[in-house]
Amino acid sequence: MYDNITFNLQALIESIEKIELYSKDFDDADKFYHDQKSFDASMMQFIVIGEIISRLDEKFKISHNEIPWQKIKDFRNIIAHDYFGIDADEIWDIINNKLLPLKNDIHGLLE
């Protein structure tokens, strides 16, 4: 059955894959940060991810609390409200160390 939760989980995967695409050609945080199009596009996808999470049913998030939903949503708020204070190294670390496990967890929820 194709429902709202499934739609939102697939949208999360799509946003993660866009960030992967936008960042794949860079070797480090500094080069990524200085490519304005790629960096800004990725930041927008982090905002989209936070928005999607805010649309997910609270009961669903509680029943799948292995995923740090609130932490991800809070990260969206940092990007949206403190854009000029963003640490490129932190973003780089999230992209390279946290996105793939999150993507795998979401795939697991879809199965």
PDB file of N, CA and C in Angstrom:
ATOM      1  N   MET A   1       0.834  -1.181   0.000  1.00  0.00           N
ATOM      2  CA  MET A   1       0.000   0.000   0.000  1.00  0.00           C
ATOM      3  C   MET A   1       0.881   1.247   0.000  1.00  0.00           C
ATOM      4  N   TYR A   2       0.563   2.181  -0.851  1.00  0.00           N
ATOM      5  CA  TYR A   2       1.321   3.412  -0.986  1.00  0.00           C
ATOM      6  C   TYR A   2       0.633   4.482  -0.154  1.00  0.00           C
ATOM      7  N   ASP A   3       1.255   4.865   0.944  1.00  0.00           N
ATOM      8  CA  ASP A   3       0.627   5.841   1.822  1.00  0.00           C
ATOM      9  C   ASP A   3       1.537   7.054   2.012  1.00  0.00           C
ATOM     10  N   ASN A   4       1.099   7.951   2.851  1.00  0.00           N
ATOM     11  CA  ASN A   4       1.823   9.182   3.105  1.00  0.00           C
ATOM     12  C   ASN A   4       3.206   8.915   3.699  1.00  0.00           C
ATOM     13  N   ILE A   5       3.303   7.962   4.600  1.00  0.00           N
ATOM     14  CA  ILE A   5       4.594   7.636   5.213  1.00  0.00           C
ATOM     15  C   ILE A   5       5.554   7.117   4.146  1.00  0.00           C
ATOM     16  N   THR A   6       5.090   6.218   3.316  1.00  0.00           N
ATOM     17  CA  THR A   6       5.932   5.681   2.241  1.00  0.00           C
ATOM     18  C   THR A   6       6.393   6.800   1.312  1.00  0.00           C
ATOM     19  N   PHE A   7       5.472   7.658   0.935  1.00  0.00           N
ATOM     20  CA  PHE A   7       5.809   8.788   0.076  1.00  0.00           C
ATOM     21  C   PHE A   7       6.903   9.646   0.709  1.00  0.00           C
ATOM     22  N   ASN A   8       6.745   9.968   1.986  1.00  0.00           N
ATOM     23  CA  ASN A   8       7.732  10.806   2.669  1.00  0.00           C
ATOM     24  C   ASN A   8       9.078  10.104   2.833  1.00  0.00           C
ATOM     25  N   LEU A   9       9.068   8.814   3.114  1.00  0.00           N
ATOM     26  CA  LEU A   9      10.330   8.077   3.235  1.00  0.00           C
ATOM     27  C   LEU A   9      11.060   8.042   1.895  1.00  0.00           C
ATOM     28  N   GLN A  10      10.322   7.847   0.823  1.00  0.00           N
ATOM     29  CA  GLN A  10      10.949   7.870  -0.499  1.00  0.00           C
ATOM     30  C   GLN A  10      11.485   9.264  -0.828  1.00  0.00           C
ATOM     31  N   ALA A  11      10.779  10.297  -0.395  1.00  0.00           N
ATOM     32  CA  ALA A  11      11.260  11.664  -0.605  1.00  0.00           C
ATOM     33  C   ALA A  11      12.533  11.913   0.191  1.00  0.00           C
ATOM     34  N   LEU A  12      12.637  11.335   1.388  1.00  0.00           N
ATOM     35  CA  LEU A  12      13.872  11.452   2.172  1.00  0.00           C
ATOM     36  C   LEU A  12      15.049  10.829   1.428  1.00  0.00           C
ATOM     37  N   ILE A  13      14.831   9.647   0.884  1.00  0.00           N
ATOM     38  CA  ILE A  13      15.889   8.980   0.126  1.00  0.00           C
ATOM     39  C   ILE A  13      16.291   9.825  -1.077  1.00  0.00           C
ATOM     40  N   GLU A  14      15.323  10.390  -1.751  1.00  0.00           N
ATOM     41  CA  GLU A  14      15.612  11.230  -2.912  1.00  0.00           C
ATOM     42  C   GLU A  14      16.471  12.438  -2.512  1.00  0.00           C
ATOM     43  N   SER A  15      16.148  13.069  -1.414  1.00  0.00           N
ATOM     44  CA  SER A  15      16.942  14.219  -0.964  1.00  0.00           C
ATOM     45  C   SER A  15      18.348  13.801  -0.573  1.00  0.00           C
ATOM     46  N   ILE A  16      18.470  12.680   0.105  1.00  0.00           N
ATOM     47  CA  ILE A  16      19.799  12.178   0.473  1.00  0.00           C
ATOM     48  C   ILE A  16      20.615  11.894  -0.787  1.00  0.00           C
ATOM     49  N   GLU A  17      19.998  11.273  -1.768  1.00  0.00           N
ATOM     50  CA  GLU A  17      20.710  10.964  -3.012  1.00  0.00           C
ATOM     51  C   GLU A  17      21.123  12.232  -3.754  1.00  0.00           C
ATOM     52  N   LYS A  18      20.332  13.275  -3.665  1.00  0.00           N
ATOM     53  CA  LYS A  18      20.733  14.539  -4.277  1.00  0.00           C
ATOM     54  C   LYS A  18      21.966  15.107  -3.586  1.00  0.00           C
ATOM     55  N   ILE A  19      21.991  15.056  -2.256  1.00  0.00           N
ATOM     56  CA  ILE A  19      23.172  15.531  -1.531  1.00  0.00           C
ATOM     57  C   ILE A  19      24.385  14.701  -1.928  1.00  0.00           C
ATOM     58  N   GLU A  20      24.225  13.396  -2.018  1.00  0.00           N
ATOM     59  CA  GLU A  20      25.331  12.531  -2.450  1.00  0.00           C
ATOM     60  C   GLU A  20      25.828  12.939  -3.832  1.00  0.00           C
ATOM     61  N   LEU A  21      24.911  13.204  -4.730  1.00  0.00           N
ATOM     62  CA  LEU A  21      25.263  13.614  -6.086  1.00  0.00           C
ATOM     63  C   LEU A  21      25.998  14.952  -6.081  1.00  0.00           C
ATOM     64  N   TYR A  22      25.463  15.912  -5.349  1.00  0.00           N
ATOM     65  CA  TYR A  22      26.043  17.259  -5.336  1.00  0.00           C
ATOM     66  C   TYR A  22      27.415  17.308  -4.686  1.00  0.00           C
ATOM     67  N   SER A  23      27.720  16.348  -3.819  1.00  0.00           N
ATOM     68  CA  SER A  23      28.981  16.394  -3.072  1.00  0.00           C
ATOM     69  C   SER A  23      30.029  15.391  -3.541  1.00  0.00           C
ATOM     70  N   LYS A  24      29.665  14.510  -4.448  1.00  0.00           N
ATOM     71  CA  LYS A  24      30.544  13.386  -4.791  1.00  0.00           C
ATOM     72  C   LYS A  24      31.856  13.769  -5.472  1.00  0.00           C
ATOM     73  N   ASP A  25      31.911  14.912  -6.117  1.00  0.00           N
ATOM     74  CA  ASP A  25      33.115  15.276  -6.866  1.00  0.00           C
ATOM     75  C   ASP A  25      34.148  16.048  -6.046  1.00  0.00           C
ATOM     76  N   PHE A  26      33.929  16.141  -4.744  1.00  0.00           N
ATOM     77  CA  PHE A  26      34.827  16.935  -3.913  1.00  0.00           C
ATOM     78  C   PHE A  26      35.635  16.045  -2.982  1.00  0.00           C
ATOM     79  N   ASP A  27      36.868  16.489  -2.700  1.00  0.00           N
ATOM     80  CA  ASP A  27      37.772  15.725  -1.851  1.00  0.00           C
ATOM     81  C   ASP A  27      37.745  16.157  -0.400  1.00  0.00           C
ATOM     82  N   ASP A  28      37.306  17.380  -0.148  1.00  0.00           N
ATOM     83  CA  ASP A  28      37.308  17.869   1.224  1.00  0.00           C
ATOM     84  C   ASP A  28      36.263  18.965   1.414  1.00  0.00           C
ATOM     85  N   ALA A  29      36.072  19.328   2.665  1.00  0.00           N
ATOM     86  CA  ALA A  29      35.044  20.301   3.035  1.00  0.00           C
ATOM     87  C   ALA A  29      35.291  21.666   2.408  1.00  0.00           C
ATOM     88  N   ASP A  30      36.527  22.072   2.350  1.00  0.00           N
ATOM     89  CA  ASP A  30      36.844  23.404   1.835  1.00  0.00           C
ATOM     90  C   ASP A  30      36.480  23.535   0.353  1.00  0.00           C
ATOM     91  N   LYS A  31      36.856  22.548  -0.432  1.00  0.00           N
ATOM     92  CA  LYS A  31      36.526  22.587  -1.866  1.00  0.00           C
ATOM     93  C   LYS A  31      35.013  22.537  -2.068  1.00  0.00           C
ATOM     94  N   PHE A  32      34.341  21.712  -1.284  1.00  0.00           N
ATOM     95  CA  PHE A  32      32.894  21.608  -1.379  1.00  0.00           C
ATOM     96  C   PHE A  32      32.238  22.938  -1.004  1.00  0.00           C
ATOM     97  N   TYR A  33      32.686  23.532   0.094  1.00  0.00           N
ATOM     98  CA  TYR A  33      32.116  24.787   0.577  1.00  0.00           C
ATOM     99  C   TYR A  33      32.272  25.913  -0.449  1.00  0.00           C
ATOM    100  N   HIS A  34      33.399  25.924  -1.155  1.00  0.00           N
ATOM    101  CA  HIS A  34      33.665  27.005  -2.095  1.00  0.00           C
ATOM    102  C   HIS A  34      33.022  26.800  -3.474  1.00  0.00           C
ATOM    103  N   ASP A  35      32.382  25.676  -3.667  1.00  0.00           N
ATOM    104  CA  ASP A  35      31.566  25.499  -4.865  1.00  0.00           C
ATOM    105  C   ASP A  35      30.143  25.873  -4.462  1.00  0.00           C
ATOM    106  N   GLN A  36      29.800  27.127  -4.680  1.00  0.00           N
ATOM    107  CA  GLN A  36      28.554  27.663  -4.147  1.00  0.00           C
ATOM    108  C   GLN A  36      27.312  26.900  -4.599  1.00  0.00           C
ATOM    109  N   LYS A  37      27.263  26.522  -5.853  1.00  0.00           N
ATOM    110  CA  LYS A  37      26.073  25.822  -6.342  1.00  0.00           C
ATOM    111  C   LYS A  37      25.894  24.487  -5.624  1.00  0.00           C
ATOM    112  N   SER A  38      26.952  23.708  -5.548  1.00  0.00           N
ATOM    113  CA  SER A  38      26.860  22.387  -4.926  1.00  0.00           C
ATOM    114  C   SER A  38      26.569  22.494  -3.434  1.00  0.00           C
ATOM    115  N   PHE A  39      27.257  23.413  -2.771  1.00  0.00           N
ATOM    116  CA  PHE A  39      27.057  23.579  -1.332  1.00  0.00           C
ATOM    117  C   PHE A  39      25.643  24.075  -1.039  1.00  0.00           C
ATOM    118  N   ASP A  40      25.223  25.114  -1.732  1.00  0.00           N
ATOM    119  CA  ASP A  40      23.887  25.665  -1.496  1.00  0.00           C
ATOM    120  C   ASP A  40      22.786  24.659  -1.842  1.00  0.00           C
ATOM    121  N   ALA A  41      22.971  23.926  -2.912  1.00  0.00           N
ATOM    122  CA  ALA A  41      21.985  22.908  -3.288  1.00  0.00           C
ATOM    123  C   ALA A  41      21.887  21.830  -2.212  1.00  0.00           C
ATOM    124  N   SER A  42      23.022  21.450  -1.666  1.00  0.00           N
ATOM    125  CA  SER A  42      23.021  20.449  -0.594  1.00  0.00           C
ATOM    126  C   SER A  42      22.341  20.984   0.650  1.00  0.00           C
ATOM    127  N   MET A  43      22.627  22.243   0.996  1.00  0.00           N
ATOM    128  CA  MET A  43      21.991  22.839   2.176  1.00  0.00           C
ATOM    129  C   MET A  43      20.470  22.875   2.004  1.00  0.00           C
ATOM    130  N   MET A  44      20.025  23.166   0.807  1.00  0.00           N
ATOM    131  CA  MET A  44      18.585  23.175   0.554  1.00  0.00           C
ATOM    132  C   MET A  44      17.994  21.786   0.761  1.00  0.00           C
ATOM    133  N   GLN A  45      18.706  20.749   0.356  1.00  0.00           N
ATOM    134  CA  GLN A  45      18.205  19.390   0.543  1.00  0.00           C
ATOM    135  C   GLN A  45      18.166  19.012   2.029  1.00  0.00           C
ATOM    136  N   PHE A  46      19.118  19.517   2.824  1.00  0.00           N
ATOM    137  CA  PHE A  46      19.038  19.283   4.270  1.00  0.00           C
ATOM    138  C   PHE A  46      17.778  19.946   4.839  1.00  0.00           C
ATOM    139  N   ILE A  47      17.444  21.117   4.331  1.00  0.00           N
ATOM    140  CA  ILE A  47      16.212  21.791   4.766  1.00  0.00           C
ATOM    141  C   ILE A  47      14.995  20.968   4.352  1.00  0.00           C
ATOM    142  N   VAL A  48      15.007  20.460   3.123  1.00  0.00           N
ATOM    143  CA  VAL A  48      13.910  19.612   2.649  1.00  0.00           C
ATOM    144  C   VAL A  48      13.772  18.380   3.538  1.00  0.00           C
ATOM    145  N   ILE A  49      14.883  17.763   3.894  1.00  0.00           N
ATOM    146  CA  ILE A  49      14.852  16.581   4.765  1.00  0.00           C
ATOM    147  C   ILE A  49      14.166  16.925   6.090  1.00  0.00           C
ATOM    148  N   GLY A  50      14.523  18.047   6.676  1.00  0.00           N
ATOM    149  CA  GLY A  50      13.890  18.458   7.929  1.00  0.00           C
ATOM    150  C   GLY A  50      12.404  18.695   7.777  1.00  0.00           C
ATOM    151  N   GLU A  51      12.020  19.290   6.656  1.00  0.00           N
ATOM    152  CA  GLU A  51      10.598  19.530   6.392  1.00  0.00           C
ATOM    153  C   GLU A  51       9.835  18.222   6.232  1.00  0.00           C
ATOM    154  N   ILE A  52      10.430  17.286   5.532  1.00  0.00           N
ATOM    155  CA  ILE A  52       9.776  15.984   5.349  1.00  0.00           C
ATOM    156  C   ILE A  52       9.594  15.295   6.694  1.00  0.00           C
ATOM    157  N   ILE A  53      10.615  15.346   7.527  1.00  0.00           N
ATOM    158  CA  ILE A  53      10.530  14.706   8.840  1.00  0.00           C
ATOM    159  C   ILE A  53       9.433  15.342   9.683  1.00  0.00           C
ATOM    160  N   SER A  54       9.268  16.639   9.556  1.00  0.00           N
ATOM    161  CA  SER A  54       8.208  17.298  10.338  1.00  0.00           C
ATOM    162  C   SER A  54       6.815  16.856   9.883  1.00  0.00           C
ATOM    163  N   ARG A  55       6.702  16.326   8.682  1.00  0.00           N
ATOM    164  CA  ARG A  55       5.414  15.845   8.163  1.00  0.00           C
ATOM    165  C   ARG A  55       5.130  14.392   8.535  1.00  0.00           C
ATOM    166  N   LEU A  56       6.145  13.679   8.996  1.00  0.00           N
ATOM    167  CA  LEU A  56       5.940  12.280   9.371  1.00  0.00           C
ATOM    168  C   LEU A  56       5.090  12.189  10.639  1.00  0.00           C
ATOM    169  N   ASP A  57       4.261  11.185  10.687  1.00  0.00           N
ATOM    170  CA  ASP A  57       3.404  10.936  11.835  1.00  0.00           C
ATOM    171  C   ASP A  57       4.245  10.712  13.096  1.00  0.00           C
ATOM    172  N   GLU A  58       3.852  11.364  14.194  1.00  0.00           N
ATOM    173  CA  GLU A  58       4.608  11.254  15.448  1.00  0.00           C
ATOM    174  C   GLU A  58       4.653   9.818  15.965  1.00  0.00           C
ATOM    175  N   LYS A  59       3.556   9.091  15.850  1.00  0.00           N
ATOM    176  CA  LYS A  59       3.537   7.691  16.291  1.00  0.00           C
ATOM    177  C   LYS A  59       4.544   6.865  15.498  1.00  0.00           C
ATOM    178  N   PHE A  60       4.641   7.143  14.211  1.00  0.00           N
ATOM    179  CA  PHE A  60       5.600   6.433  13.369  1.00  0.00           C
ATOM    180  C   PHE A  60       7.029   6.723  13.843  1.00  0.00           C
ATOM    181  N   LYS A  61       7.315   7.985  14.109  1.00  0.00           N
ATOM    182  CA  LYS A  61       8.669   8.352  14.546  1.00  0.00           C
ATOM    183  C   LYS A  61       8.990   7.728  15.905  1.00  0.00           C
ATOM    184  N   ILE A  62       8.024   7.698  16.797  1.00  0.00           N
ATOM    185  CA  ILE A  62       8.249   7.088  18.110  1.00  0.00           C
ATOM    186  C   ILE A  62       8.492   5.592  17.969  1.00  0.00           C
ATOM    187  N   SER A  63       7.747   4.950  17.074  1.00  0.00           N
ATOM    188  CA  SER A  63       7.921   3.504  16.893  1.00  0.00           C
ATOM    189  C   SER A  63       9.204   3.151  16.146  1.00  0.00           C
ATOM    190  N   HIS A  64       9.847   4.143  15.560  1.00  0.00           N
ATOM    191  CA  HIS A  64      11.123   3.929  14.865  1.00  0.00           C
ATOM    192  C   HIS A  64      12.152   4.923  15.402  1.00  0.00           C
ATOM    193  N   ASN A  65      12.295   4.886  16.722  1.00  0.00           N
ATOM    194  CA  ASN A  65      13.167   5.855  17.384  1.00  0.00           C
ATOM    195  C   ASN A  65      14.657   5.548  17.253  1.00  0.00           C
ATOM    196  N   GLU A  66      14.995   4.510  16.491  1.00  0.00           N
ATOM    197  CA  GLU A  66      16.410   4.251  16.194  1.00  0.00           C
ATOM    198  C   GLU A  66      16.981   5.322  15.268  1.00  0.00           C
ATOM    199  N   ILE A  67      16.105   6.046  14.626  1.00  0.00           N
ATOM    200  CA  ILE A  67      16.504   7.162  13.767  1.00  0.00           C
ATOM    201  C   ILE A  67      16.327   8.450  14.569  1.00  0.00           C
ATOM    202  N   PRO A  68      17.353   9.278  14.635  1.00  0.00           N
ATOM    203  CA  PRO A  68      17.278  10.506  15.443  1.00  0.00           C
ATOM    204  C   PRO A  68      16.477  11.607  14.742  1.00  0.00           C
ATOM    205  N   TRP A  69      15.179  11.403  14.611  1.00  0.00           N
ATOM    206  CA  TRP A  69      14.314  12.312  13.865  1.00  0.00           C
ATOM    207  C   TRP A  69      14.449  13.755  14.332  1.00  0.00           C
ATOM    208  N   GLN A  70      14.373  13.957  15.651  1.00  0.00           N
ATOM    209  CA  GLN A  70      14.398  15.324  16.176  1.00  0.00           C
ATOM    210  C   GLN A  70      15.748  15.985  15.929  1.00  0.00           C
ATOM    211  N   LYS A  71      16.810  15.233  16.062  1.00  0.00           N
ATOM    212  CA  LYS A  71      18.152  15.772  15.822  1.00  0.00           C
ATOM    213  C   LYS A  71      18.297  16.224  14.361  1.00  0.00           C
ATOM    214  N   ILE A  72      17.760  15.433  13.456  1.00  0.00           N
ATOM    215  CA  ILE A  72      17.821  15.778  12.030  1.00  0.00           C
ATOM    216  C   ILE A  72      16.976  17.026  11.764  1.00  0.00           C
ATOM    217  N   LYS A  73      15.810  17.074  12.363  1.00  0.00           N
ATOM    218  CA  LYS A  73      14.941  18.243  12.203  1.00  0.00           C
ATOM    219  C   LYS A  73      15.603  19.486  12.797  1.00  0.00           C
ATOM    220  N   ASP A  74      16.257  19.347  13.938  1.00  0.00           N
ATOM    221  CA  ASP A  74      16.962  20.476  14.559  1.00  0.00           C
ATOM    222  C   ASP A  74      18.093  20.969  13.665  1.00  0.00           C
ATOM    223  N   PHE A  75      18.755  20.054  12.980  1.00  0.00           N
ATOM    224  CA  PHE A  75      19.823  20.436  12.055  1.00  0.00           C
ATOM    225  C   PHE A  75      19.263  21.287  10.926  1.00  0.00           C
ATOM    226  N   ARG A  76      18.070  20.958  10.459  1.00  0.00           N
ATOM    227  CA  ARG A  76      17.397  21.762   9.440  1.00  0.00           C
ATOM    228  C   ARG A  76      17.212  23.188   9.935  1.00  0.00           C
ATOM    229  N   ASN A  77      16.824  23.334  11.194  1.00  0.00           N
ATOM    230  CA  ASN A  77      16.610  24.665  11.760  1.00  0.00           C
ATOM    231  C   ASN A  77      17.908  25.459  11.852  1.00  0.00           C
ATOM    232  N   ILE A  78      18.990  24.791  12.166  1.00  0.00           N
ATOM    233  CA  ILE A  78      20.288  25.469  12.214  1.00  0.00           C
ATOM    234  C   ILE A  78      20.645  25.999  10.830  1.00  0.00           C
ATOM    235  N   ILE A  79      20.473  25.173   9.830  1.00  0.00           N
ATOM    236  CA  ILE A  79      20.790  25.606   8.458  1.00  0.00           C
ATOM    237  C   ILE A  79      19.888  26.762   8.035  1.00  0.00           C
ATOM    238  N   ALA A  80      18.610  26.644   8.314  1.00  0.00           N
ATOM    239  CA  ALA A  80      17.664  27.658   7.862  1.00  0.00           C
ATOM    240  C   ALA A  80      17.824  28.986   8.589  1.00  0.00           C
ATOM    241  N   HIS A  81      18.214  28.942   9.860  1.00  0.00           N
ATOM    242  CA  HIS A  81      18.227  30.162  10.663  1.00  0.00           C
ATOM    243  C   HIS A  81      19.611  30.693  10.989  1.00  0.00           C
ATOM    244  N   ASP A  82      20.642  29.895  10.755  1.00  0.00           N
ATOM    245  CA  ASP A  82      22.005  30.346  11.042  1.00  0.00           C
ATOM    246  C   ASP A  82      22.922  29.970   9.886  1.00  0.00           C
ATOM    247  N   TYR A  83      22.434  30.207   8.667  1.00  0.00           N
ATOM    248  CA  TYR A  83      23.126  29.757   7.465  1.00  0.00           C
ATOM    249  C   TYR A  83      24.574  30.226   7.414  1.00  0.00           C
ATOM    250  N   PHE A  84      24.829  31.462   7.808  1.00  0.00           N
ATOM    251  CA  PHE A  84      26.180  31.999   7.702  1.00  0.00           C
ATOM    252  C   PHE A  84      27.097  31.512   8.816  1.00  0.00           C
ATOM    253  N   GLY A  85      26.539  30.808   9.782  1.00  0.00           N
ATOM    254  CA  GLY A  85      27.347  30.247  10.857  1.00  0.00           C
ATOM    255  C   GLY A  85      27.615  28.766  10.687  1.00  0.00           C
ATOM    256  N   ILE A  86      27.268  28.231   9.551  1.00  0.00           N
ATOM    257  CA  ILE A  86      27.436  26.800   9.300  1.00  0.00           C
ATOM    258  C   ILE A  86      28.915  26.455   9.175  1.00  0.00           C
ATOM    259  N   ASP A  87      29.287  25.375   9.818  1.00  0.00           N
ATOM    260  CA  ASP A  87      30.659  24.878   9.771  1.00  0.00           C
ATOM    261  C   ASP A  87      30.771  23.864   8.627  1.00  0.00           C
ATOM    262  N   ALA A  88      31.538  24.217   7.605  1.00  0.00           N
ATOM    263  CA  ALA A  88      31.671  23.350   6.427  1.00  0.00           C
ATOM    264  C   ALA A  88      32.233  21.978   6.791  1.00  0.00           C
ATOM    265  N   ASP A  89      33.130  21.920   7.763  1.00  0.00           N
ATOM    266  CA  ASP A  89      33.689  20.629   8.180  1.00  0.00           C
ATOM    267  C   ASP A  89      32.618  19.739   8.815  1.00  0.00           C
ATOM    268  N   GLU A  90      31.721  20.340   9.571  1.00  0.00           N
ATOM    269  CA  GLU A  90      30.625  19.578  10.177  1.00  0.00           C
ATOM    270  C   GLU A  90      29.687  19.036   9.097  1.00  0.00           C
ATOM    271  N   ILE A  91      29.384  19.878   8.122  1.00  0.00           N
ATOM    272  CA  ILE A  91      28.530  19.445   7.006  1.00  0.00           C
ATOM    273  C   ILE A  91      29.202  18.296   6.260  1.00  0.00           C
ATOM    274  N   TRP A  92      30.476  18.444   5.994  1.00  0.00           N
ATOM    275  CA  TRP A  92      31.243  17.420   5.283  1.00  0.00           C
ATOM    276  C   TRP A  92      31.218  16.099   6.047  1.00  0.00           C
ATOM    277  N   ASP A  93      31.376  16.183   7.364  1.00  0.00           N
ATOM    278  CA  ASP A  93      31.343  14.987   8.201  1.00  0.00           C
ATOM    279  C   ASP A  93      29.968  14.318   8.133  1.00  0.00           C
ATOM    280  N   ILE A  94      28.914  15.102   8.197  1.00  0.00           N
ATOM    281  CA  ILE A  94      27.559  14.552   8.115  1.00  0.00           C
ATOM    282  C   ILE A  94      27.337  13.871   6.771  1.00  0.00           C
ATOM    283  N   ILE A  95      27.759  14.538   5.711  1.00  0.00           N
ATOM    284  CA  ILE A  95      27.583  13.963   4.372  1.00  0.00           C
ATOM    285  C   ILE A  95      28.332  12.643   4.238  1.00  0.00           C
ATOM    286  N   ASN A  96      29.555  12.597   4.739  1.00  0.00           N
ATOM    287  CA  ASN A  96      30.403  11.423   4.529  1.00  0.00           C
ATOM    288  C   ASN A  96      30.225  10.318   5.562  1.00  0.00           C
ATOM    289  N   ASN A  97      29.638  10.633   6.715  1.00  0.00           N
ATOM    290  CA  ASN A  97      29.558   9.621   7.770  1.00  0.00           C
ATOM    291  C   ASN A  97      28.156   9.341   8.294  1.00  0.00           C
ATOM    292  N   LYS A  98      27.210  10.202   8.003  1.00  0.00           N
ATOM    293  CA  LYS A  98      25.878  10.017   8.573  1.00  0.00           C
ATOM    294  C   LYS A  98      24.790   9.768   7.525  1.00  0.00           C
ATOM    295  N   LEU A  99      24.977  10.269   6.329  1.00  0.00           N
ATOM    296  CA  LEU A  99      23.915  10.149   5.323  1.00  0.00           C
ATOM    297  C   LEU A  99      23.690   8.717   4.851  1.00  0.00           C
ATOM    298  N   LEU A 100      24.754   7.990   4.570  1.00  0.00           N
ATOM    299  CA  LEU A 100      24.582   6.619   4.092  1.00  0.00           C
ATOM    300  C   LEU A 100      23.896   5.737   5.138  1.00  0.00           C
ATOM    301  N   PRO A 101      24.317   5.782   6.419  1.00  0.00           N
ATOM    302  CA  PRO A 101      23.571   4.991   7.413  1.00  0.00           C
ATOM    303  C   PRO A 101      22.096   5.409   7.512  1.00  0.00           C
ATOM    304  N   LEU A 102      21.822   6.715   7.421  1.00  0.00           N
ATOM    305  CA  LEU A 102      20.431   7.173   7.451  1.00  0.00           C
ATOM    306  C   LEU A 102      19.672   6.637   6.251  1.00  0.00           C
ATOM    307  N   LYS A 103      20.278   6.715   5.096  1.00  0.00           N
ATOM    308  CA  LYS A 103      19.641   6.197   3.873  1.00  0.00           C
ATOM    309  C   LYS A 103      19.354   4.701   4.011  1.00  0.00           C
ATOM    310  N   ASN A 104      20.308   3.952   4.547  1.00  0.00           N
ATOM    311  CA  ASN A 104      20.112   2.520   4.744  1.00  0.00           C
ATOM    312  C   ASN A 104      18.983   2.237   5.737  1.00  0.00           C
ATOM    313  N   ASP A 105      18.923   3.038   6.811  1.00  0.00           N
ATOM    314  CA  ASP A 105      17.840   2.867   7.788  1.00  0.00           C
ATOM    315  C   ASP A 105      16.483   3.139   7.165  1.00  0.00           C
ATOM    316  N   ILE A 106      16.416   4.158   6.335  1.00  0.00           N
ATOM    317  CA  ILE A 106      15.135   4.485   5.689  1.00  0.00           C
ATOM    318  C   ILE A 106      14.742   3.409   4.697  1.00  0.00           C
ATOM    319  N   HIS A 107      15.724   2.899   3.945  1.00  0.00           N
ATOM    320  CA  HIS A 107      15.429   1.761   3.054  1.00  0.00           C
ATOM    321  C   HIS A 107      14.857   0.596   3.864  1.00  0.00           C
ATOM    322  N   GLY A 108      15.433   0.363   5.035  1.00  0.00           N
ATOM    323  CA  GLY A 108      14.940  -0.713   5.891  1.00  0.00           C
ATOM    324  C   GLY A 108      13.491  -0.504   6.318  1.00  0.00           C
ATOM    325  N   LEU A 109      13.130   0.742   6.559  1.00  0.00           N
ATOM    326  CA  LEU A 109      11.746   1.042   6.928  1.00  0.00           C
ATOM    327  C   LEU A 109      10.790   0.811   5.762  1.00  0.00           C
ATOM    328  N   LEU A 110      11.276   0.982   4.560  1.00  0.00           N
ATOM    329  CA  LEU A 110      10.435   0.795   3.383  1.00  0.00           C
ATOM    330  C   LEU A 110      10.209  -0.672   3.049  1.00  0.00           C
ATOM    331  N   GLU A 111      11.080  -1.530   3.541  1.00  0.00           N
ATOM    332  CA  GLU A 111      10.970  -2.962   3.194  1.00  0.00           C
ATOM    333  C   GLU A 111       9.943  -3.711   3.994  1.00  0.00           C
TER     334      GLU A 111
END
